[in-house]
PDB file of N, CA and C in Angstrom:
ATOM      1  N   UNK A   1      29.835  16.871  13.363  1.00  0.00           N
ATOM      2  CA  UNK A   1      28.607  17.029  12.658  1.00  0.00           C
ATOM      3  C   UNK A   1      28.061  15.720  12.537  1.00  0.00           C
ATOM      4  N   UNK A   2      26.547  15.361  12.581  1.00  0.00           N
ATOM      5  CA  UNK A   2      26.112  14.355  12.361  1.00  0.00           C
ATOM      6  C   UNK A   2      25.006  14.209  11.257  1.00  0.00           C
ATOM      7  N   UNK A   3      24.876  13.311  10.482  1.00  0.00           N
ATOM      8  CA  UNK A   3      23.706  13.407   9.603  1.00  0.00           C
ATOM      9  C   UNK A   3      22.546  12.725  10.077  1.00  0.00           C
ATOM     10  N   UNK A   4      21.484  13.503   9.828  1.00  0.00           N
ATOM     11  CA  UNK A   4      20.074  12.958  10.273  1.00  0.00           C
ATOM     12  C   UNK A   4      19.401  12.269   9.306  1.00  0.00           C
ATOM     13  N   UNK A   5      18.385  11.500   9.739  1.00  0.00           N
ATOM     14  CA  UNK A   5      17.603  10.569   8.830  1.00  0.00           C
ATOM     15  C   UNK A   5      16.976  11.412   7.832  1.00  0.00           C
ATOM     16  N   UNK A   6      16.539  12.686   8.080  1.00  0.00           N
ATOM     17  CA  UNK A   6      15.873  13.452   6.973  1.00  0.00           C
ATOM     18  C   UNK A   6      16.914  14.058   6.156  1.00  0.00           C
ATOM     19  N   UNK A   7      18.111  13.756   6.131  1.00  0.00           N
ATOM     20  CA  UNK A   7      19.166  14.437   5.166  1.00  0.00           C
ATOM     21  C   UNK A   7      19.932  15.691   5.805  1.00  0.00           C
ATOM     22  N   UNK A   8      19.398  16.206   6.833  1.00  0.00           N
ATOM     23  CA  UNK A   8      19.934  17.476   7.578  1.00  0.00           C
ATOM     24  C   UNK A   8      21.181  16.902   8.364  1.00  0.00           C
ATOM     25  N   UNK A   9      21.887  17.861   8.901  1.00  0.00           N
ATOM     26  CA  UNK A   9      22.822  17.780   9.904  1.00  0.00           C
ATOM     27  C   UNK A   9      22.714  18.334  11.135  1.00  0.00           C
ATOM     28  N   UNK A  10      23.350  17.978  11.920  1.00  0.00           N
ATOM     29  CA  UNK A  10      23.592  18.736  13.268  1.00  0.00           C
ATOM     30  C   UNK A  10      24.847  18.894  13.872  1.00  0.00           C
ATOM     31  N   UNK A  11      25.138  19.704  14.748  1.00  0.00           N
ATOM     32  CA  UNK A  11      26.325  19.680  15.424  1.00  0.00           C
ATOM     33  C   UNK A  11      26.310  20.176  16.801  1.00  0.00           C
ATOM     34  N   UNK A  12      27.226  19.822  17.479  1.00  0.00           N
ATOM     35  CA  UNK A  12      27.393  20.294  18.896  1.00  0.00           C
ATOM     36  C   UNK A  12      28.790  20.851  19.276  1.00  0.00           C
ATOM     37  N   UNK A  13      28.893  21.926  20.007  1.00  0.00           N
ATOM     38  CA  UNK A  13      29.941  22.444  20.172  1.00  0.00           C
ATOM     39  C   UNK A  13      30.933  21.849  21.291  1.00  0.00           C
ATOM     40  N   UNK A  14      32.201  21.950  20.965  1.00  0.00           N
ATOM     41  CA  UNK A  14      33.068  21.150  21.822  1.00  0.00           C
ATOM     42  C   UNK A  14      32.912  21.548  23.442  1.00  0.00           C
ATOM     43  N   UNK A  15      32.678  22.831  23.606  1.00  0.00           N
ATOM     44  CA  UNK A  15      32.361  23.489  24.862  1.00  0.00           C
ATOM     45  C   UNK A  15      31.294  22.748  25.532  1.00  0.00           C
ATOM     46  N   UNK A  16      30.166  22.509  24.785  1.00  0.00           N
ATOM     47  CA  UNK A  16      28.943  21.870  25.370  1.00  0.00           C
ATOM     48  C   UNK A  16      29.248  20.375  25.783  1.00  0.00           C
ATOM     49  N   UNK A  17      30.005  19.823  24.969  1.00  0.00           N
ATOM     50  CA  UNK A  17      30.446  18.436  25.058  1.00  0.00           C
ATOM     51  C   UNK A  17      31.300  18.321  26.316  1.00  0.00           C
ATOM     52  N   UNK A  18      32.237  19.161  26.579  1.00  0.00           N
ATOM     53  CA  UNK A  18      33.201  19.302  27.751  1.00  0.00           C
ATOM     54  C   UNK A  18      32.320  19.439  29.091  1.00  0.00           C
ATOM     55  N   UNK A  19      31.464  20.347  28.846  1.00  0.00           N
ATOM     56  CA  UNK A  19      30.530  20.653  29.950  1.00  0.00           C
ATOM     57  C   UNK A  19      29.588  19.395  30.443  1.00  0.00           C
ATOM     58  N   UNK A  20      29.147  18.706  29.312  1.00  0.00           N
ATOM     59  CA  UNK A  20      28.314  17.458  29.807  1.00  0.00           C
ATOM     60  C   UNK A  20      29.204  16.374  30.290  1.00  0.00           C
ATOM     61  N   UNK A  21      30.545  16.168  29.892  1.00  0.00           N
ATOM     62  CA  UNK A  21      31.332  15.240  30.410  1.00  0.00           C
ATOM     63  C   UNK A  21      31.764  15.658  31.980  1.00  0.00           C
ATOM     64  N   UNK A  22      32.063  16.879  32.172  1.00  0.00           N
ATOM     65  CA  UNK A  22      32.314  17.337  33.292  1.00  0.00           C
ATOM     66  C   UNK A  22      31.262  17.278  34.439  1.00  0.00           C
ATOM     67  N   UNK A  23      29.921  17.440  33.884  1.00  0.00           N
ATOM     68  CA  UNK A  23      28.785  17.050  34.783  1.00  0.00           C
ATOM     69  C   UNK A  23      28.717  15.653  35.047  1.00  0.00           C
ATOM     70  N   UNK A  24      28.840  14.887  34.097  1.00  0.00           N
ATOM     71  CA  UNK A  24      28.738  13.357  34.264  1.00  0.00           C
ATOM     72  C   UNK A  24      29.796  12.884  35.326  1.00  0.00           C
ATOM     73  N   UNK A  25      30.942  13.357  35.004  1.00  0.00           N
ATOM     74  CA  UNK A  25      32.027  13.004  36.032  1.00  0.00           C
ATOM     75  C   UNK A  25      31.613  13.428  37.410  1.00  0.00           C
ATOM     76  N   UNK A  26      31.110  14.619  37.584  1.00  0.00           N
ATOM     77  CA  UNK A  26      30.727  15.157  38.934  1.00  0.00           C
ATOM     78  C   UNK A  26      29.584  14.233  39.499  1.00  0.00           C
ATOM     79  N   UNK A  27      28.565  13.846  38.675  1.00  0.00           N
ATOM     80  CA  UNK A  27      27.514  12.980  38.939  1.00  0.00           C
ATOM     81  C   UNK A  27      28.235  11.689  39.576  1.00  0.00           C
ATOM     82  N   UNK A  28      29.087  11.130  38.735  1.00  0.00           N
ATOM     83  CA  UNK A  28      29.553   9.851  39.124  1.00  0.00           C
ATOM     84  C   UNK A  28      30.336   9.930  40.544  1.00  0.00           C
ATOM     85  N   UNK A  29      31.042  10.963  40.724  1.00  0.00           N
ATOM     86  CA  UNK A  29      31.691  11.160  41.961  1.00  0.00           C
ATOM     87  C   UNK A  29      30.588  11.239  43.030  1.00  0.00           C
ATOM     88  N   UNK A  30      29.577  12.059  42.881  1.00  0.00           N
ATOM     89  CA  UNK A  30      28.508  12.188  43.837  1.00  0.00           C
ATOM     90  C   UNK A  30      27.914  10.890  44.146  1.00  0.00           C
ATOM     91  N   UNK A  31      27.383  10.010  43.430  1.00  0.00           N
ATOM     92  CA  UNK A  31      27.039   8.745  43.458  1.00  0.00           C
ATOM     93  C   UNK A  31      28.094   7.799  44.381  1.00  0.00           C
ATOM     94  N   UNK A  32      29.350   8.076  44.040  1.00  0.00           N
ATOM     95  CA  UNK A  32      30.438   7.243  44.667  1.00  0.00           C
ATOM     96  C   UNK A  32      30.490   7.737  46.235  1.00  0.00           C
ATOM     97  N   UNK A  33      30.466   9.133  46.305  1.00  0.00           N
ATOM     98  CA  UNK A  33      30.497   9.559  47.745  1.00  0.00           C
ATOM     99  C   UNK A  33      29.256   9.280  48.507  1.00  0.00           C
ATOM    100  N   UNK A  34      28.263   9.023  48.017  1.00  0.00           N
ATOM    101  CA  UNK A  34      27.035   8.613  48.728  1.00  0.00           C
ATOM    102  C   UNK A  34      26.907   7.260  49.407  1.00  0.00           C
ATOM    103  N   UNK A  35      27.736   6.517  48.834  1.00  0.00           N
ATOM    104  CA  UNK A  35      27.917   5.009  49.327  1.00  0.00           C
ATOM    105  C   UNK A  35      28.284   5.014  50.821  1.00  0.00           C
ATOM    106  N   UNK A  36      29.242   5.684  51.289  1.00  0.00           N
ATOM    107  CA  UNK A  36      29.669   5.651  52.723  1.00  0.00           C
ATOM    108  C   UNK A  36      28.581   6.274  53.581  1.00  0.00           C
ATOM    109  N   UNK A  37      27.740   7.295  53.117  1.00  0.00           N
ATOM    110  CA  UNK A  37      26.796   7.917  53.825  1.00  0.00           C
ATOM    111  C   UNK A  37      25.744   7.028  54.039  1.00  0.00           C
ATOM    112  N   UNK A  38      25.343   6.229  53.001  1.00  0.00           N
ATOM    113  CA  UNK A  38      24.184   5.177  53.310  1.00  0.00           C
ATOM    114  C   UNK A  38      24.743   4.308  54.555  1.00  0.00           C
ATOM    115  N   UNK A  39      25.916   3.901  54.432  1.00  0.00           N
ATOM    116  CA  UNK A  39      26.591   2.969  55.558  1.00  0.00           C
ATOM    117  C   UNK A  39      26.414   3.712  56.913  1.00  0.00           C
ATOM    118  N   UNK A  40      26.545   5.009  57.116  1.00  0.00           N
ATOM    119  CA  UNK A  40      26.465   5.823  58.334  1.00  0.00           C
ATOM    120  C   UNK A  40      25.203   5.834  58.690  1.00  0.00           C
ATOM    121  N   UNK A  41      24.241   6.148  57.769  1.00  0.00           N
ATOM    122  CA  UNK A  41      22.808   6.261  58.138  1.00  0.00           C
ATOM    123  C   UNK A  41      22.274   4.957  58.721  1.00  0.00           C
ATOM    124  N   UNK A  42      22.656   3.815  58.035  1.00  0.00           N
ATOM    125  CA  UNK A  42      22.394   2.461  58.553  1.00  0.00           C
ATOM    126  C   UNK A  42      22.703   2.290  59.895  1.00  0.00           C
ATOM    127  N   UNK A  43      24.194   2.540  60.221  1.00  0.00           N
ATOM    128  CA  UNK A  43      24.451   2.428  61.587  1.00  0.00           C
ATOM    129  C   UNK A  43      23.839   3.376  62.677  1.00  0.00           C
ATOM    130  N   UNK A  44      23.494   4.595  62.141  1.00  0.00           N
ATOM    131  CA  UNK A  44      22.755   5.449  62.896  1.00  0.00           C
ATOM    132  C   UNK A  44      21.284   4.878  63.437  1.00  0.00           C
ATOM    133  N   UNK A  45      20.786   4.559  62.387  1.00  0.00           N
ATOM    134  CA  UNK A  45      19.244   3.768  62.367  1.00  0.00           C
ATOM    135  C   UNK A  45      19.269   2.760  63.413  1.00  0.00           C
ATOM    136  N   UNK A  46      20.224   1.714  63.326  1.00  0.00           N
ATOM    137  CA  UNK A  46      20.359   0.737  64.170  1.00  0.00           C
ATOM    138  C   UNK A  46      20.669   1.252  65.559  1.00  0.00           C
ATOM    139  N   UNK A  47      21.593   2.116  65.586  1.00  0.00           N
ATOM    140  CA  UNK A  47      21.990   2.504  67.051  1.00  0.00           C
ATOM    141  C   UNK A  47      20.722   3.358  67.644  1.00  0.00           C
ATOM    142  N   UNK A  48      19.949   3.929  66.785  1.00  0.00           N
ATOM    143  CA  UNK A  48      18.893   4.632  67.499  1.00  0.00           C
ATOM    144  C   UNK A  48      17.510   3.896  67.728  1.00  0.00           C
ATOM    145  N   UNK A  49      17.597   2.593  67.298  1.00  0.00           N
ATOM    146  CA  UNK A  49      16.415   1.689  67.327  1.00  0.00           C
ATOM    147  C   UNK A  49      16.409   1.093  68.805  1.00  0.00           C
ATOM    148  N   UNK A  50      17.347   1.176  69.487  1.00  0.00           N
ATOM    149  CA  UNK A  50      17.417   0.765  71.012  1.00  0.00           C
ATOM    150  C   UNK A  50      17.017  -0.810  71.084  1.00  0.00           C
ATOM    151  N   UNK A  51      16.005  -0.984  71.693  1.00  0.00           N
ATOM    152  CA  UNK A  51      15.505  -2.386  72.007  1.00  0.00           C
ATOM    153  C   UNK A  51      14.944  -3.021  70.660  1.00  0.00           C
ATOM    154  N   UNK A  52      14.608  -2.286  69.708  1.00  0.00           N
ATOM    155  CA  UNK A  52      13.974  -2.818  68.522  1.00  0.00           C
ATOM    156  C   UNK A  52      14.948  -3.066  67.490  1.00  0.00           C
ATOM    157  N   UNK A  53      16.203  -3.029  67.691  1.00  0.00           N
ATOM    158  CA  UNK A  53      17.343  -3.287  66.881  1.00  0.00           C
ATOM    159  C   UNK A  53      17.123  -4.522  66.214  1.00  0.00           C
ATOM    160  N   UNK A  54      16.954  -5.682  66.915  1.00  0.00           N
ATOM    161  CA  UNK A  54      16.827  -7.016  66.189  1.00  0.00           C
ATOM    162  C   UNK A  54      15.671  -7.079  65.105  1.00  0.00           C
ATOM    163  N   UNK A  55      14.572  -6.309  65.474  1.00  0.00           N
ATOM    164  CA  UNK A  55      13.543  -6.348  64.283  1.00  0.00           C
ATOM    165  C   UNK A  55      13.906  -5.503  63.220  1.00  0.00           C
ATOM    166  N   UNK A  56      14.674  -4.591  63.315  1.00  0.00           N
ATOM    167  CA  UNK A  56      14.973  -3.607  62.242  1.00  0.00           C
ATOM    168  C   UNK A  56      16.272  -4.258  61.363  1.00  0.00           C
ATOM    169  N   UNK A  57      17.082  -4.989  61.979  1.00  0.00           N
ATOM    170  CA  UNK A  57      18.326  -5.330  61.510  1.00  0.00           C
ATOM    171  C   UNK A  57      18.261  -5.950  60.158  1.00  0.00           C
ATOM    172  N   UNK A  58      17.561  -6.958  59.968  1.00  0.00           N
ATOM    173  CA  UNK A  58      17.543  -7.752  58.670  1.00  0.00           C
ATOM    174  C   UNK A  58      17.204  -6.829  57.534  1.00  0.00           C
ATOM    175  N   UNK A  59      16.180  -6.105  57.836  1.00  0.00           N
ATOM    176  CA  UNK A  59      15.501  -5.168  56.747  1.00  0.00           C
ATOM    177  C   UNK A  59      16.548  -4.063  56.502  1.00  0.00           C
ATOM    178  N   UNK A  60      17.131  -3.452  57.509  1.00  0.00           N
ATOM    179  CA  UNK A  60      18.310  -2.494  57.482  1.00  0.00           C
ATOM    180  C   UNK A  60      19.259  -2.948  56.621  1.00  0.00           C
ATOM    181  N   UNK A  61      19.773  -4.304  56.829  1.00  0.00           N
ATOM    182  CA  UNK A  61      20.977  -4.605  56.009  1.00  0.00           C
ATOM    183  C   UNK A  61      20.489  -4.793  54.550  1.00  0.00           C
ATOM    184  N   UNK A  62      19.275  -5.260  54.275  1.00  0.00           N
ATOM    185  CA  UNK A  62      18.877  -5.455  53.035  1.00  0.00           C
ATOM    186  C   UNK A  62      18.823  -4.054  52.131  1.00  0.00           C
ATOM    187  N   UNK A  63      18.156  -3.103  52.910  1.00  0.00           N
ATOM    188  CA  UNK A  63      18.265  -1.843  52.414  1.00  0.00           C
ATOM    189  C   UNK A  63      19.619  -1.321  52.121  1.00  0.00           C
ATOM    190  N   UNK A  64      20.515  -1.392  53.096  1.00  0.00           N
ATOM    191  CA  UNK A  64      21.932  -0.902  52.892  1.00  0.00           C
ATOM    192  C   UNK A  64      22.457  -1.517  51.673  1.00  0.00           C
ATOM    193  N   UNK A  65      22.312  -2.823  51.554  1.00  0.00           N
ATOM    194  CA  UNK A  65      23.020  -3.531  50.208  1.00  0.00           C
ATOM    195  C   UNK A  65      22.427  -3.086  48.955  1.00  0.00           C
ATOM    196  N   UNK A  66      21.113  -2.976  49.009  1.00  0.00           N
ATOM    197  CA  UNK A  66      20.439  -2.410  47.809  1.00  0.00           C
ATOM    198  C   UNK A  66      20.896  -1.075  47.308  1.00  0.00           C
ATOM    199  N   UNK A  67      20.830  -0.016  48.311  1.00  0.00           N
ATOM    200  CA  UNK A  67      21.138   1.261  47.975  1.00  0.00           C
ATOM    201  C   UNK A  67      22.642   1.390  47.602  1.00  0.00           C
ATOM    202  N   UNK A  68      23.444   0.586  48.385  1.00  0.00           N
ATOM    203  CA  UNK A  68      24.974   0.447  48.058  1.00  0.00           C
ATOM    204  C   UNK A  68      25.220   0.129  46.643  1.00  0.00           C
ATOM    205  N   UNK A  69      24.461  -0.969  46.245  1.00  0.00           N
ATOM    206  CA  UNK A  69      24.564  -1.618  44.888  1.00  0.00           C
ATOM    207  C   UNK A  69      23.982  -0.490  43.753  1.00  0.00           C
ATOM    208  N   UNK A  70      22.946   0.150  44.100  1.00  0.00           N
ATOM    209  CA  UNK A  70      22.441   1.030  43.120  1.00  0.00           C
ATOM    210  C   UNK A  70      23.353   2.268  42.930  1.00  0.00           C
ATOM    211  N   UNK A  71      23.837   2.804  44.000  1.00  0.00           N
ATOM    212  CA  UNK A  71      24.767   3.886  43.935  1.00  0.00           C
ATOM    213  C   UNK A  71      26.054   3.609  43.173  1.00  0.00           C
ATOM    214  N   UNK A  72      26.615   2.315  43.262  1.00  0.00           N
ATOM    215  CA  UNK A  72      27.734   2.008  42.706  1.00  0.00           C
ATOM    216  C   UNK A  72      27.553   1.800  41.272  1.00  0.00           C
ATOM    217  N   UNK A  73      26.360   0.978  40.874  1.00  0.00           N
ATOM    218  CA  UNK A  73      26.014   0.983  39.366  1.00  0.00           C
ATOM    219  C   UNK A  73      25.942   2.315  38.672  1.00  0.00           C
ATOM    220  N   UNK A  74      25.045   3.243  39.555  1.00  0.00           N
ATOM    221  CA  UNK A  74      24.878   4.726  38.879  1.00  0.00           C
ATOM    222  C   UNK A  74      26.367   5.416  38.766  1.00  0.00           C
ATOM    223  N   UNK A  75      27.091   5.111  39.667  1.00  0.00           N
ATOM    224  CA  UNK A  75      28.498   5.865  39.650  1.00  0.00           C
ATOM    225  C   UNK A  75      29.253   5.365  38.342  1.00  0.00           C
ATOM    226  N   UNK A  76      29.162   4.111  38.268  1.00  0.00           N
ATOM    227  CA  UNK A  76      30.088   3.441  37.115  1.00  0.00           C
ATOM    228  C   UNK A  76      29.369   3.765  35.816  1.00  0.00           C
ATOM    229  N   UNK A  77      28.069   3.730  35.675  1.00  0.00           N
ATOM    230  CA  UNK A  77      27.346   4.179  34.647  1.00  0.00           C
ATOM    231  C   UNK A  77      27.664   5.526  33.955  1.00  0.00           C
ATOM    232  N   UNK A  78      27.509   6.601  35.058  1.00  0.00           N
ATOM    233  CA  UNK A  78      27.828   7.903  34.779  1.00  0.00           C
ATOM    234  C   UNK A  78      29.423   8.235  34.448  1.00  0.00           C
ATOM    235  N   UNK A  79      30.167   7.421  34.851  1.00  0.00           N
ATOM    236  CA  UNK A  79      31.732   7.435  34.559  1.00  0.00           C
ATOM    237  C   UNK A  79      31.885   7.019  33.208  1.00  0.00           C
ATOM    238  N   UNK A  80      31.217   5.852  32.770  1.00  0.00           N
ATOM    239  CA  UNK A  80      31.446   5.307  31.598  1.00  0.00           C
ATOM    240  C   UNK A  80      30.892   6.068  30.500  1.00  0.00           C
ATOM    241  N   UNK A  81      29.733   6.862  30.759  1.00  0.00           N
ATOM    242  CA  UNK A  81      29.204   7.790  29.650  1.00  0.00           C
ATOM    243  C   UNK A  81      30.038   8.967  29.647  1.00  0.00           C
ATOM    244  N   UNK A  82      30.445   9.543  30.864  1.00  0.00           N
ATOM    245  CA  UNK A  82      31.427  10.752  30.754  1.00  0.00           C
ATOM    246  C   UNK A  82      32.756  10.374  30.091  1.00  0.00           C
ATOM    247  N   UNK A  83      33.330   9.342  30.208  1.00  0.00           N
ATOM    248  CA  UNK A  83      34.457   8.804  29.573  1.00  0.00           C
ATOM    249  C   UNK A  83      34.402   8.608  28.151  1.00  0.00           C
ATOM    250  N   UNK A  84      33.285   8.450  27.590  1.00  0.00           N
ATOM    251  CA  UNK A  84      32.944   8.213  26.039  1.00  0.00           C
ATOM    252  C   UNK A  84      32.335   9.351  25.623  1.00  0.00           C
ATOM    253  N   UNK A  85      32.183  10.537  26.374  1.00  0.00           N
ATOM    254  CA  UNK A  85      31.462  11.698  25.778  1.00  0.00           C
ATOM    255  C   UNK A  85      32.634  12.434  24.996  1.00  0.00           C
ATOM    256  N   UNK A  86      32.446  12.865  23.778  1.00  0.00           N
ATOM    257  CA  UNK A  86      33.384  13.524  22.872  1.00  0.00           C
ATOM    258  C   UNK A  86      34.287  12.682  22.395  1.00  0.00           C
ATOM    259  N   UNK A  87      34.051  11.423  22.307  1.00  0.00           N
ATOM    260  CA  UNK A  87      34.903  10.456  21.805  1.00  0.00           C
ATOM    261  C   UNK A  87      34.329   9.927  20.459  1.00  0.00           C
ATOM    262  N   UNK A  88      35.060   9.511  19.485  1.00  0.00           N
ATOM    263  CA  UNK A  88      34.585   9.093  18.291  1.00  0.00           C
ATOM    264  C   UNK A  88      34.652   7.529  18.158  1.00  0.00           C
ATOM    265  N   UNK A  89      34.994   6.738  19.322  1.00  0.00           N
ATOM    266  CA  UNK A  89      35.022   5.439  19.440  1.00  0.00           C
ATOM    267  C   UNK A  89      34.761   5.007  20.857  1.00  0.00           C
ATOM    268  N   UNK A  90      34.312   3.961  21.103  1.00  0.00           N
ATOM    269  CA  UNK A  90      34.107   3.317  22.493  1.00  0.00           C
ATOM    270  C   UNK A  90      35.054   2.163  22.641  1.00  0.00           C
ATOM    271  N   UNK A  91      35.384   2.138  23.735  1.00  0.00           N
ATOM    272  CA  UNK A  91      36.329   0.983  24.276  1.00  0.00           C
ATOM    273  C   UNK A  91      35.388  -0.058  24.914  1.00  0.00           C
ATOM    274  N   UNK A  92      35.173  -1.064  23.970  1.00  0.00           N
ATOM    275  CA  UNK A  92      34.021  -1.996  24.532  1.00  0.00           C
ATOM    276  C   UNK A  92      34.539  -2.982  25.716  1.00  0.00           C
ATOM    277  N   UNK A  93      36.038  -3.107  25.815  1.00  0.00           N
ATOM    278  CA  UNK A  93      36.399  -3.904  26.742  1.00  0.00           C
ATOM    279  C   UNK A  93      36.331  -3.154  28.175  1.00  0.00           C
ATOM    280  N   UNK A  94      36.515  -1.783  27.999  1.00  0.00           N
ATOM    281  CA  UNK A  94      36.178  -1.046  29.310  1.00  0.00           C
ATOM    282  C   UNK A  94      34.652  -1.011  29.682  1.00  0.00           C
ATOM    283  N   UNK A  95      33.841  -1.009  28.794  1.00  0.00           N
ATOM    284  CA  UNK A  95      32.351  -0.990  29.158  1.00  0.00           C
ATOM    285  C   UNK A  95      32.104  -2.363  29.711  1.00  0.00           C
ATOM    286  N   UNK A  96      32.578  -3.282  29.266  1.00  0.00           N
ATOM    287  CA  UNK A  96      32.145  -4.789  29.710  1.00  0.00           C
ATOM    288  C   UNK A  96      33.275  -5.062  30.791  1.00  0.00           C
ATOM    289  N   UNK A  97      33.106  -4.555  31.932  1.00  0.00           N
ATOM    290  CA  UNK A  97      34.236  -4.679  32.954  1.00  0.00           C
ATOM    291  C   UNK A  97      34.394  -6.265  33.376  1.00  0.00           C
ATOM    292  N   UNK A  98      33.262  -6.835  33.366  1.00  0.00           N
ATOM    293  CA  UNK A  98      33.374  -8.310  33.787  1.00  0.00           C
ATOM    294  C   UNK A  98      33.620  -9.291  32.564  1.00  0.00           C
ATOM    295  N   UNK A  99      33.765  -8.632  31.477  1.00  0.00           N
ATOM    296  CA  UNK A  99      34.445  -9.308  30.283  1.00  0.00           C
ATOM    297  C   UNK A  99      33.515 -10.583  29.951  1.00  0.00           C
ATOM    298  N   UNK A 100      32.171 -10.511  30.117  1.00  0.00           N
ATOM    299  CA  UNK A 100      31.294 -11.502  30.043  1.00  0.00           C
ATOM    300  C   UNK A 100      30.755 -11.681  28.672  1.00  0.00           C
ATOM    301  N   UNK A 101      30.856 -10.458  27.938  1.00  0.00           N
ATOM    302  CA  UNK A 101      30.426 -10.445  26.512  1.00  0.00           C
ATOM    303  C   UNK A 101      31.556 -10.826  25.426  1.00  0.00           C
ATOM    304  N   UNK A 102      31.393 -11.807  24.622  1.00  0.00           N
ATOM    305  CA  UNK A 102      32.617 -12.062  23.648  1.00  0.00           C
ATOM    306  C   UNK A 102      31.928 -11.741  22.290  1.00  0.00           C
ATOM    307  N   UNK A 103      32.644 -10.831  21.534  1.00  0.00           N
ATOM    308  CA  UNK A 103      32.307 -10.574  20.141  1.00  0.00           C
ATOM    309  C   UNK A 103      33.117 -11.380  19.184  1.00  0.00           C
ATOM    310  N   UNK A 104      32.762 -12.043  18.313  1.00  0.00           N
ATOM    311  CA  UNK A 104      33.470 -12.562  17.222  1.00  0.00           C
ATOM    312  C   UNK A 104      33.291 -11.821  15.932  1.00  0.00           C
ATOM    313  N   UNK A 105      34.301 -11.311  15.294  1.00  0.00           N
ATOM    314  CA  UNK A 105      34.006 -10.525  14.140  1.00  0.00           C
ATOM    315  C   UNK A 105      34.756 -11.428  13.038  1.00  0.00           C
TER     316      UNK A 105
END
């Protein structure tokens, strides 16, 4: 149960939270599983380009890198949200994977 700014309260069922966590985990897996597919499409595109391969290659590599990174970030983000759903605290060290943020208390 949470206290709202107007003095009221709200609550969410554990079943709803578990369902949300499962959906976020599924979403993280889908993003992760899409990364190899982007690579296959990149290879297929270049293979089908024939004599125009050289003209497409630089742009295709940039496209591949951008989408691979986007899907990786989305997968990690969905996984972090899923991992912290239904928790009452957050592991800040796990969220800051690169450990670039330092908190002094």
